[in-house]
Protein backbone atom coordinates (compact mmCIF):
# COMPACT_ATOMS: atom_id res chain seq x y z
CA MET A 1 8.26 -14.41 2.65
CA ILE A 2 9.58 -13.39 -0.74
CA LYS A 3 12.54 -11.27 0.31
CA PRO A 4 12.96 -9.05 -2.75
CA LEU A 5 9.33 -8.07 -2.67
CA THR A 6 9.53 -7.37 1.05
CA SER A 7 12.49 -5.03 0.51
CA LEU A 8 10.79 -3.33 -2.42
CA ARG A 9 7.95 -2.33 -0.06
CA PHE A 10 10.31 0.15 1.60
CA PHE A 11 11.40 1.72 -1.66
CA PHE A 12 7.80 2.33 -2.71
CA ALA A 13 6.92 3.58 0.74
CA PHE A 14 9.82 6.03 0.35
CA MET A 15 8.29 7.21 -2.90
CA VAL A 16 5.05 7.98 -1.10
CA PHE A 17 7.13 9.84 1.53
CA VAL A 18 8.80 12.08 -1.01
CA SER A 19 5.48 12.81 -2.59
CA HIS A 20 4.48 14.51 0.69
CA LEU A 21 7.48 16.83 0.87
CA TRP A 22 5.46 19.73 -0.51
CA PHE A 23 7.32 22.22 1.69
CA ILE A 24 10.51 22.02 -0.43
CA LYS A 25 8.77 24.18 -2.99
CA ASP A 26 9.38 27.15 -0.73
CA ASP A 27 13.04 26.96 -1.60
CA GLY A 28 12.75 28.41 -5.07
CA ALA A 29 12.28 27.46 -8.70
CA VAL A 30 14.71 24.45 -8.75
CA ALA A 31 13.08 22.81 -5.73
CA THR A 32 9.62 23.52 -7.16
CA GLN A 33 10.60 21.85 -10.44
CA LEU A 34 12.06 18.88 -8.59
CA TYR A 35 8.89 18.35 -6.57
CA ASP A 36 6.35 19.07 -9.36
CA HIS A 37 8.11 16.85 -11.93
CA ILE A 38 9.57 14.00 -9.85
CA PHE A 39 8.65 13.92 -6.15
CA SER A 40 4.92 14.58 -6.53
CA GLU A 41 4.54 11.44 -8.69
CA GLY A 42 5.63 9.27 -5.74
CA TYR A 43 2.00 8.45 -4.93
CA ILE A 44 2.31 5.62 -7.55
CA GLY A 45 3.76 3.59 -4.66
CA VAL A 46 0.16 2.97 -3.55
CA SER A 47 -0.51 1.13 -6.85
CA PHE A 48 2.41 -1.15 -6.08
CA PHE A 49 1.06 -1.95 -2.57
CA PHE A 50 -2.47 -2.73 -3.81
CA ILE A 51 -1.27 -5.07 -6.57
CA LEU A 52 1.27 -6.66 -4.21
CA SER A 53 -1.40 -7.17 -1.61
CA GLY A 54 -3.48 -9.25 -4.00
CA PHE A 55 -0.44 -11.17 -5.03
CA ILE A 56 0.90 -11.90 -1.54
CA LEU A 57 -2.51 -12.82 -0.05
CA SER A 58 -2.98 -15.27 -2.84
CA TYR A 59 0.58 -16.62 -2.23
CA ASN A 60 -0.11 -17.12 1.49
CA TYR A 61 -3.82 -17.96 1.66
CA LYS A 62 -5.19 -19.11 -1.68
CA ASP A 63 -4.77 -22.88 -1.19
CA LYS A 64 -5.59 -22.67 2.52
CA LEU A 65 -8.97 -21.00 1.77
CA LEU A 66 -9.83 -23.16 -1.22
CA GLU A 67 -8.96 -26.36 0.66
CA HIS A 68 -10.69 -25.20 3.83
CA ARG A 69 -7.49 -25.42 5.83
CA ILE A 70 -8.23 -22.01 7.19
CA SER A 71 -11.56 -20.36 7.89
CA ARG A 72 -12.62 -17.00 6.58
CA LYS A 73 -12.89 -15.80 10.17
CA SER A 74 -9.26 -16.89 10.86
CA PHE A 75 -8.12 -14.99 7.77
CA TRP A 76 -10.00 -11.86 8.72
CA VAL A 77 -8.65 -12.00 12.25
CA ALA A 78 -5.08 -12.34 10.93
CA ARG A 79 -5.44 -9.37 8.63
CA PHE A 80 -7.20 -7.23 11.26
CA ALA A 81 -4.44 -7.96 13.77
CA ARG A 82 -1.89 -6.99 11.22
CA ILE A 83 -3.10 -3.50 10.28
CA TYR A 84 -5.65 -2.26 12.86
CA PRO A 85 -3.51 -1.75 15.95
CA LEU A 86 -1.16 0.64 14.15
CA HIS A 87 -4.10 2.41 12.53
CA PHE A 88 -5.78 2.91 15.88
CA VAL A 89 -2.63 4.28 17.53
CA THR A 90 -1.84 6.67 14.68
CA LEU A 91 -5.51 7.81 14.70
CA MET A 92 -5.14 8.68 18.38
CA VAL A 93 -1.83 10.51 17.75
CA ALA A 94 -3.49 12.54 14.98
CA ILE A 95 -6.25 13.82 17.26
CA PRO A 96 -4.34 16.89 18.58
CA LEU A 97 -3.75 17.99 15.01
CA SER A 98 -7.40 17.58 14.00
CA PHE A 99 -9.62 19.40 16.47
CA ARG A 100 -12.57 21.36 15.07
CA HIS A 101 -15.07 23.71 16.66
CA ASP A 102 -17.98 21.69 15.22
CA MET A 103 -17.86 18.59 17.47
CA LEU A 104 -20.66 16.81 15.67
CA GLU A 105 -18.79 17.03 12.38
CA TRP A 106 -15.55 16.05 14.07
CA THR A 107 -17.19 13.05 15.72
CA GLU A 108 -18.68 11.87 12.43
CA ARG A 109 -15.23 11.99 10.81
CA PHE A 110 -13.66 10.27 13.73
CA VAL A 111 -16.14 7.42 13.65
CA MET A 112 -15.57 7.01 9.87
CA ASN A 113 -11.81 6.81 10.46
CA LEU A 114 -12.15 4.54 13.46
CA PHE A 115 -14.08 1.92 11.49
CA LEU A 116 -11.93 2.45 8.33
CA LEU A 117 -14.83 3.62 6.26
CA GLN A 118 -13.40 7.01 5.25
CA SER A 119 -12.29 6.06 1.76
CA PHE A 120 -15.90 5.26 0.73
CA VAL A 121 -16.88 8.90 1.13
CA PRO A 122 -15.78 10.99 -1.86
CA SER A 123 -14.65 13.98 0.15
CA GLN A 124 -11.12 15.06 1.00
CA ASP A 125 -12.45 16.53 4.28
CA ILE A 126 -13.20 12.95 5.32
CA TYR A 127 -10.75 10.53 3.67
CA PHE A 128 -7.74 12.81 4.36
CA TYR A 129 -8.78 13.76 7.86
CA PHE A 130 -6.75 12.66 10.91
CA ASN A 131 -3.89 10.56 9.57
CA SER A 132 -4.35 11.23 5.88
CA VAL A 133 -2.54 8.13 4.58
CA SER A 134 -4.97 5.80 6.35
CA TRP A 135 -7.37 6.12 3.46
CA SER A 136 -5.36 3.34 1.80
CA ILE A 137 -5.74 1.19 4.91
CA SER A 138 -9.48 1.72 4.58
CA ASP A 139 -9.20 0.32 1.04
CA GLU A 140 -7.04 -2.58 2.23
CA MET A 141 -9.55 -3.55 4.89
CA PHE A 142 -12.24 -3.70 2.22
CA PHE A 143 -9.96 -5.86 0.04
CA TYR A 144 -9.38 -8.21 3.01
CA LEU A 145 -13.11 -8.56 3.58
CA ILE A 146 -13.82 -9.61 0.02
CA PHE A 147 -10.61 -11.59 -0.70
CA PRO A 148 -12.04 -15.02 0.32
CA PHE A 149 -14.95 -14.45 -2.09
CA LEU A 150 -12.76 -13.13 -4.87
CA ILE A 151 -10.57 -16.23 -4.61
CA ILE A 152 -13.67 -18.50 -4.91
CA ALA A 153 -15.08 -16.47 -7.71
CA TYR A 154 -11.80 -16.58 -9.61
CA TYR A 155 -10.78 -20.25 -9.06
CA ARG A 156 -14.00 -22.18 -8.66
CA PRO A 157 -16.66 -21.18 -11.23
CA LYS A 158 -14.69 -21.15 -14.49
CA VAL A 159 -17.04 -18.61 -16.07
CA PHE A 160 -15.53 -15.99 -13.75
CA ASN A 161 -11.96 -17.09 -14.24
CA TYR A 162 -11.29 -14.47 -16.90
CA TRP A 163 -14.37 -12.35 -17.12
CA LEU A 164 -14.41 -11.02 -13.60
CA PRO A 165 -10.86 -9.54 -13.69
CA LEU A 166 -11.37 -8.35 -17.28
CA LEU A 167 -14.53 -6.42 -16.38
CA LEU A 168 -12.86 -4.84 -13.35
CA VAL A 169 -9.81 -3.79 -15.35
CA LEU A 170 -11.67 -2.51 -18.39
CA MET A 171 -14.05 -0.31 -16.39
CA ILE A 172 -11.17 1.80 -15.04
CA PRO A 173 -9.81 3.43 -18.24
CA ILE A 174 -13.32 3.65 -19.67
CA GLY A 175 -14.54 5.37 -16.47
CA VAL A 176 -11.55 7.74 -16.46
CA TYR A 177 -12.16 8.69 -20.08
CA PHE A 178 -15.84 9.49 -19.62
CA MET A 179 -15.85 11.00 -16.12
CA LYS A 180 -14.98 14.65 -15.50
CA SER A 181 -11.41 15.14 -14.32
CA GLY A 182 -12.57 16.80 -11.11
CA TYR A 183 -13.81 13.41 -9.93
CA HIS A 184 -10.76 11.34 -10.88
CA HIS A 185 -8.84 11.59 -7.61
CA LYS A 186 -11.70 10.87 -5.26
CA PHE A 187 -12.99 7.92 -7.26
CA PHE A 188 -10.15 6.33 -9.26
CA TYR A 189 -7.35 6.97 -6.77
CA ILE A 190 -9.20 6.76 -3.43
CA ASN A 191 -12.41 4.76 -3.75
CA PRO A 192 -12.02 1.09 -2.80
CA LEU A 193 -14.80 -0.06 -5.07
CA LEU A 194 -12.65 0.99 -8.01
CA ARG A 195 -9.19 0.38 -6.60
CA VAL A 196 -10.23 -3.24 -6.11
CA ALA A 197 -9.12 -3.60 -9.79
CA ASP A 198 -5.46 -3.20 -8.66
CA PHE A 199 -6.00 -5.77 -5.95
CA THR A 200 -7.64 -8.20 -8.40
CA LEU A 201 -4.69 -7.78 -10.78
CA GLY A 202 -2.50 -9.02 -7.99
CA ILE A 203 -4.66 -12.14 -7.66
CA VAL A 204 -4.45 -12.82 -11.41
CA LEU A 205 -0.73 -12.11 -11.39
CA TYR A 206 -0.22 -14.80 -8.71
CA HIS A 207 -2.14 -17.27 -10.91
CA VAL A 208 0.29 -16.53 -13.77
CA TYR A 209 3.22 -16.90 -11.36
CA GLU A 210 1.88 -20.34 -10.24
CA LEU A 211 1.61 -21.49 -13.84
CA ARG A 212 5.11 -20.26 -14.78
CA LYS A 213 7.23 -20.60 -11.64
CA LYS A 214 8.83 -23.90 -12.80
CA ILE A 215 9.47 -22.59 -16.29
CA ASP A 216 10.59 -18.95 -16.21
CA PHE A 217 14.07 -17.67 -15.32
CA LYS A 218 15.96 -20.93 -14.96
CA THR A 219 19.33 -19.15 -14.89
CA THR A 220 20.57 -16.24 -12.86
CA ALA A 221 21.55 -14.36 -16.00
CA ALA A 222 18.06 -14.62 -17.47
CA ALA A 223 16.49 -13.54 -14.22
CA THR A 224 18.88 -10.55 -13.92
CA ARG A 225 18.05 -9.39 -17.42
CA ALA A 226 14.36 -9.60 -16.62
CA GLU A 227 14.84 -7.70 -13.38
CA LEU A 228 16.78 -4.95 -15.20
CA LEU A 229 14.09 -4.77 -17.85
CA ALA A 230 11.36 -4.47 -15.25
CA VAL A 231 13.15 -1.58 -13.51
CA LEU A 232 13.87 0.18 -16.82
CA LEU A 233 10.22 -0.28 -17.85
CA LEU A 234 9.09 1.49 -14.64
CA LEU A 235 11.59 4.26 -15.19
CA ALA A 236 10.39 4.67 -18.81
CA PHE A 237 6.80 4.99 -17.66
CA PHE A 238 7.85 7.51 -15.02
CA LEU A 239 9.90 9.49 -17.58
CA PHE A 240 6.91 10.02 -19.86
CA HIS A 241 4.21 10.39 -17.19
CA GLU A 242 3.65 14.07 -17.92
CA ASN A 243 2.32 13.13 -21.37
CA VAL A 244 -0.47 11.11 -19.77
CA PRO A 245 -3.63 12.64 -18.24
CA GLN A 246 -3.64 12.65 -14.43
CA GLY A 247 -6.73 10.45 -14.14
CA PHE A 248 -4.97 7.56 -15.90
CA ARG A 249 -1.89 8.00 -13.73
CA TYR A 250 -4.08 7.82 -10.60
CA SER A 251 -5.47 4.53 -11.75
CA CYS A 252 -4.22 2.32 -14.58
CA TYR A 253 -1.18 3.93 -16.24
CA TYR A 254 1.38 2.26 -13.92
CA TRP A 255 -0.29 -1.15 -13.86
CA ILE A 256 2.05 -2.66 -16.51
CA PRO A 257 5.41 -1.73 -14.90
CA MET A 258 4.16 -2.58 -11.39
CA ILE A 259 2.99 -6.00 -12.61
CA GLY A 260 6.43 -6.50 -14.26
CA ILE A 261 8.29 -5.54 -11.09
CA ILE A 262 6.25 -7.83 -8.83
CA TYR A 263 6.36 -10.75 -11.28
CA VAL A 264 10.04 -10.85 -12.02
CA PHE A 265 11.17 -10.18 -8.45
CA SER A 266 8.80 -12.89 -7.08
CA PHE A 267 11.14 -15.52 -8.53
CA SER A 268 14.10 -14.07 -6.45
CA LYS A 269 16.63 -15.47 -8.89
CA GLY A 270 18.44 -12.44 -10.32
CA ALA A 271 21.43 -10.32 -9.16
CA ILE A 272 19.14 -7.47 -8.11
CA SER A 273 17.07 -9.90 -6.04
CA ALA A 274 20.24 -11.05 -4.34
CA ILE A 275 20.89 -7.47 -3.30
CA LEU A 276 17.30 -6.97 -2.22
CA SER A 277 17.47 -10.15 -0.11
CA ASN A 278 20.00 -8.48 2.21
CA ASP A 279 18.76 -8.80 5.80
CA LYS A 280 18.90 -5.03 6.45
CA LEU A 281 16.85 -4.21 3.35
CA VAL A 282 14.36 -6.99 4.21
CA TYR A 283 14.00 -5.45 7.67
CA LEU A 284 13.32 -2.02 6.15
CA GLY A 285 10.60 -3.72 4.16
CA GLU A 286 9.14 -5.24 7.33
CA ILE A 287 8.86 -1.86 8.97
CA SER A 288 7.67 -0.11 5.80
CA PHE A 289 4.03 -0.31 6.92
CA GLY A 290 4.97 1.62 10.02
CA PHE A 291 7.04 4.06 8.03
CA TYR A 292 4.09 4.61 5.69
CA MET A 293 1.66 5.16 8.55
CA TRP A 294 3.92 7.37 10.64
CA HIS A 295 5.69 9.63 8.22
CA MET A 296 2.82 12.02 7.49
CA LEU A 297 2.20 12.51 11.22
CA VAL A 298 5.93 13.21 11.75
CA ILE A 299 5.81 15.80 8.94
CA ARG A 300 2.73 17.47 10.42
CA TYR A 301 4.04 17.57 13.98
CA PHE A 302 7.34 18.89 12.75
CA ASN A 303 5.46 21.60 10.97
CA TYR A 304 3.14 22.28 13.96
CA ILE A 305 6.08 22.55 16.33
CA GLY A 306 7.89 24.71 13.81
CA ALA A 307 5.00 27.20 13.89
CA LYS A 308 5.66 27.53 17.65
CA ILE A 309 9.42 27.26 17.66
CA PRO A 310 10.94 28.72 14.47
CA MET A 311 14.14 26.62 14.53
CA PHE A 312 11.98 23.49 13.85
CA THR A 313 9.91 24.89 11.00
CA LEU A 314 9.83 23.06 7.71
CA HIS A 315 9.38 26.31 5.81
CA THR A 316 12.98 27.51 5.92
CA SER A 317 15.99 27.65 3.67
CA THR A 318 17.29 24.64 5.57
CA HIS A 319 14.60 22.35 4.21
CA ILE A 320 17.18 19.72 3.33
CA LEU A 321 17.99 19.34 7.02
CA SER A 322 14.28 19.20 7.71
CA VAL A 323 13.74 16.39 5.16
CA ILE A 324 16.63 14.41 6.66
CA ALA A 325 15.30 14.95 10.21
CA VAL A 326 11.76 13.95 9.28
CA PHE A 327 12.94 10.83 7.42
CA PHE A 328 15.12 9.57 10.30
CA ILE A 329 12.51 10.35 12.93
CA ALA A 330 9.87 8.49 10.95
CA LEU A 331 12.30 5.59 10.49
CA VAL A 332 13.19 5.38 14.21
CA VAL A 333 9.51 5.61 15.20
CA SER A 334 8.69 2.84 12.66
CA HIS A 335 11.39 0.63 14.13
CA TYR A 336 10.07 0.88 17.69
CA SER A 337 6.46 0.74 16.49
CA TYR A 338 7.18 -2.52 14.79
CA LYS A 339 8.97 -4.00 17.84
CA TRP A 340 6.76 -2.65 20.60
CA LEU A 341 3.33 -2.31 19.01
CA GLU A 342 2.80 -4.15 15.73
CA ILE A 343 4.32 -7.54 16.64
CA PRO A 344 2.95 -7.78 20.19
CA ALA A 345 -0.50 -6.52 19.21
CA ASN A 346 -0.63 -8.88 16.28
CA LYS A 347 0.18 -11.88 18.43
CA TYR A 348 -2.23 -10.82 21.18
CA LEU A 349 -5.21 -10.17 18.90
CA LYS A 350 -4.74 -13.42 16.96
CA LYS A 351 -4.59 -15.33 20.20
CA ARG A 352 -7.72 -13.61 21.65
CA LEU A 353 -9.82 -13.37 18.49
CA ALA A 354 -8.94 -16.51 16.62
CA PRO A 355 -11.75 -19.06 16.42
CA PRO A 356 -11.25 -22.17 18.52
CA ALA A 357 -9.61 -25.06 16.67
CA GLN A 358 -12.06 -27.69 15.53
CA PRO A 359 -11.48 -31.18 17.01
CA MET A 360 -10.19 -33.65 14.50
CA GLU A 361 -12.52 -36.45 13.57
CA PRO A 362 -11.27 -39.88 14.83
CA ALA A 363 -9.73 -42.06 12.25
CA SER A 364 -12.03 -44.77 11.00
CA SER A 365 -11.16 -48.26 12.17
C-alpha cells in the first residue's frame, strides 16, 4: 500500500460527491454559481481513479504476471472479488428507485448492469440507470480483463513499448476535436474503449516510477516542493478549466496534473505525504470505494423520502443541512459496508473461486 495515494482516493471521491450536489442550485444565484463553476467539475476525480488504477495494478501485479508467479485467472478472481460484491448489493438497493412500466426494457437494462456492460452502450438511459456511478465500475472491469495483456504488450515486445500508449493517448484529443460535441460525454467520458487511455497512462507512469524511484526526491525538502508543485498544478488547471472545451475536460485536459499528483505522492517522502499517511486518512481512502458507490444512492433516497416527507427534502432552503446529512450518512454506510460486506465477500470469493495451487516440482537430485 502507498499510503498517500490511498488517502488521496477519498479526496477525489469527495470531488465526485460534490459534483452530484445539483440540488444546491435551488438556493439562489450564489449557490448556482458555486455549483456551476466549482462543484460540477468534480467529475475529474474519475480521471484520477482510472490513471491510479493502471499505476497500482502495475505496482502490485506487473512482476507477478510477467514472471508467472500469479495466473491470469487468479488476478481476475482477485479483482472481481474486490469490486463485484459491492456493485451487486448497490444494484439491488437501486431497484426500488428504478422501476419502469416496460418490464422488457427494464430487464434489458438490469442485465446490462448486472454483467457490468452498461458503459459500452452510448445511452444515458442505460449507463446511468440503477446506480448511476457504476458505469465507471463497468469501465474498471474491462480494464481488469485486458490488464494482463496490456502488461505483456507493453513490456515484452519492444515494438509496443512506446507506440501502443502513444497511439491510445493521441487518438483522444484528435477524436474530441473532430467528433461533434454531442457525442463527447458518452464516448470520451464514459466508453471504456476510449477511457482505457487513462488506464494505460497509469501503466506507463508506473514504468517511469520504476526507473526513477532510486533517483528522484532524495530529501524530504525536495519531495515536499514537488508535492506542493503537483497540487498547485492541479489547482491551476482547475482554475482555467472554463477556457477549455468540455470534451477535452471529459477526457485529456486533466491528464498532466493527475499524472503529476500520482507520481510525486507515490514516493511518499514529502511533508504532505506525511500528513496523508495518517491512519485516519488512510482508512478514509480504504472506504472511498464504498463512499463512491453509495453516495448517489443516499442522495436519491434522501430525495425520494423528501418527496413523501417534506422535512427530509433536498430541495429546501436548508440544503446545507441536507448536504451534511447526506455526506455523513454515506460515510457511515461506507464504513459498515467495508467492514461487513467488502472485506468478508472479498475473502470468501477469493477462497471459493481461486484456482487450485499447482504442486511444486520436486527438486532434482
